[in-house]
Amino acid sequence: MFLRTHELARFARLLLQDGLWEDRRLLPAGYLRRMTADPADTSAITEGERFTYGYGLGVWLDRSGMYRMDGRYGQYAVICPAARAAVTVTAHSECEVDVLEAIHELVIDRLT
C-alpha cells in the first residue's frame, strides 16, 4: 500500500476498532482475529527481538497481544489493543531495529 502518515494512522485505528468505523463494519471480525492467530514461527530471526514473536496474516506479532504492520525504511503501525492505542510512524531509516526500539521505549512502554 502507498499511504501517507494520516492514512496509515486511520487504517491502524480501523484495526484497533476491530474493523468498525463510525459504527459500520468495514472489515470482517473473523479476518481480524485470523491476522494474529496461528503465527509462523520467527524465533530464529537474529535481526532483533521484535521480529521473534511470530508473523501472522500480514502483521508481525509482539508481546502482550500487540501487533504491527511494517513498511520499508521505518514505516510502522503498531496496534496495542490492551492500551486501546495505535502508534503510526513514517520515517526514513536504514536501521529499522533502532526505530522499532525507539517506538517502544518512547511510546508503547509508557502506555502499558
Protein backbone atom coordinates (compact mmCIF):
# COMPACT_ATOMS: atom_id res chain seq x y z
CA MET A 1 0.00 0.00 0.00
CA PHE A 2 1.14 3.54 -0.66
CA LEU A 3 -0.23 5.53 2.28
CA ARG A 4 0.56 8.89 3.78
CA THR A 5 1.05 9.03 7.54
CA HIS A 6 -2.51 10.10 8.34
CA GLU A 7 -3.92 7.41 6.04
CA LEU A 8 -1.82 4.72 7.71
CA ALA A 9 -2.97 6.04 11.10
CA ARG A 10 -6.61 5.72 10.05
CA PHE A 11 -6.02 2.15 8.89
CA ALA A 12 -4.32 1.33 12.22
CA ARG A 13 -7.30 2.84 14.04
CA LEU A 14 -9.65 0.69 11.95
CA LEU A 15 -7.73 -2.39 13.09
CA LEU A 16 -7.75 -1.18 16.70
CA GLN A 17 -11.53 -0.77 16.48
CA ASP A 18 -11.94 -4.39 15.30
CA GLY A 19 -12.83 -3.37 11.76
CA LEU A 20 -15.54 -0.87 12.73
CA TRP A 21 -15.55 2.73 11.51
CA GLU A 22 -18.31 5.04 12.71
CA ASP A 23 -20.47 2.03 13.63
CA ARG A 24 -20.03 0.46 10.18
CA ARG A 25 -18.23 -2.85 9.75
CA LEU A 26 -15.58 -2.36 7.07
CA LEU A 27 -13.51 -5.47 7.83
CA PRO A 28 -14.90 -8.87 8.84
CA ALA A 29 -14.31 -9.60 12.53
CA GLY A 30 -13.15 -13.12 11.67
CA TYR A 31 -10.41 -11.72 9.45
CA LEU A 32 -9.07 -9.53 12.23
CA ARG A 33 -8.92 -12.48 14.64
CA ARG A 34 -7.18 -14.54 11.97
CA MET A 35 -4.48 -11.89 11.50
CA THR A 36 -2.87 -12.80 14.81
CA ALA A 37 -3.91 -16.44 15.10
CA ASP A 38 -1.67 -19.36 14.15
CA PRO A 39 1.51 -17.33 13.56
CA ALA A 40 4.56 -18.53 11.68
CA ASP A 41 7.50 -19.21 13.99
CA THR A 42 10.09 -16.45 13.69
CA SER A 43 12.11 -17.24 16.81
CA ALA A 44 15.22 -17.96 14.73
CA ILE A 45 15.42 -14.43 13.32
CA THR A 46 18.51 -12.67 14.64
CA GLU A 47 17.75 -9.17 13.33
CA GLY A 48 16.13 -8.04 16.59
CA GLU A 49 13.87 -9.25 19.38
CA ARG A 50 10.81 -7.51 17.92
CA PHE A 51 10.94 -9.91 14.96
CA THR A 52 10.98 -13.11 17.05
CA TYR A 53 7.40 -13.24 18.40
CA GLY A 54 5.89 -14.62 15.19
CA TYR A 55 4.34 -13.47 11.95
CA GLY A 56 0.60 -13.56 11.44
CA LEU A 57 -1.51 -12.71 8.43
CA GLY A 58 0.38 -9.66 7.15
CA VAL A 59 1.41 -8.49 10.62
CA TRP A 60 4.34 -9.03 12.96
CA LEU A 61 3.32 -10.13 16.44
CA ASP A 62 4.72 -8.60 19.58
CA ARG A 63 4.32 -9.25 23.27
CA SER A 64 1.05 -8.80 25.17
CA GLY A 65 -1.21 -9.07 22.14
CA MET A 66 0.36 -6.19 20.23
CA TYR A 67 0.99 -6.47 16.52
CA ARG A 68 2.33 -4.23 13.79
CA MET A 69 2.48 -3.60 10.09
CA ASP A 70 5.95 -2.79 8.78
CA GLY A 71 6.97 -0.86 5.74
CA ARG A 72 10.40 -0.39 4.25
CA TYR A 73 12.80 2.10 5.88
CA GLY A 74 10.84 2.81 9.04
CA GLN A 75 7.14 2.88 8.27
CA TYR A 76 5.18 1.30 11.13
CA ALA A 77 1.69 0.99 12.52
CA VAL A 78 1.81 -0.60 15.98
CA ILE A 79 -1.55 -1.70 17.32
CA CYS A 80 -1.77 -2.15 21.10
CA PRO A 81 -5.28 -3.42 21.94
CA ALA A 82 -4.63 -3.60 25.71
CA ALA A 83 -3.91 0.15 25.83
CA ARG A 84 -6.51 0.93 23.12
CA ALA A 85 -3.77 2.72 21.21
CA ALA A 86 -2.24 2.70 17.76
CA VAL A 87 1.10 4.34 17.03
CA THR A 88 1.95 5.28 13.47
CA VAL A 89 5.43 6.28 12.31
CA THR A 90 6.71 7.14 8.87
CA ALA A 91 10.41 7.73 8.72
CA HIS A 92 13.39 7.08 6.56
CA SER A 93 15.84 4.89 8.41
CA GLU A 94 18.33 2.30 7.27
CA CYS A 95 18.28 0.74 10.78
CA GLU A 96 14.73 -0.47 11.31
CA VAL A 97 15.55 -2.21 14.60
CA ASP A 98 16.54 1.12 16.17
CA VAL A 99 13.30 2.77 15.02
CA LEU A 100 11.23 -0.07 16.48
CA GLU A 101 13.06 0.11 19.79
CA ALA A 102 12.54 3.87 19.94
CA ILE A 103 8.79 3.46 19.28
CA HIS A 104 8.55 1.01 22.14
CA GLU A 105 10.76 2.88 24.59
CA LEU A 106 9.32 6.33 23.96
CA VAL A 107 5.64 5.48 23.45
CA ILE A 108 4.40 1.90 23.81
CA ASP A 109 6.19 1.05 27.07
CA ARG A 110 4.68 4.17 28.66
CA LEU A 111 1.17 3.09 27.69
CA THR A 112 1.34 -0.44 29.01
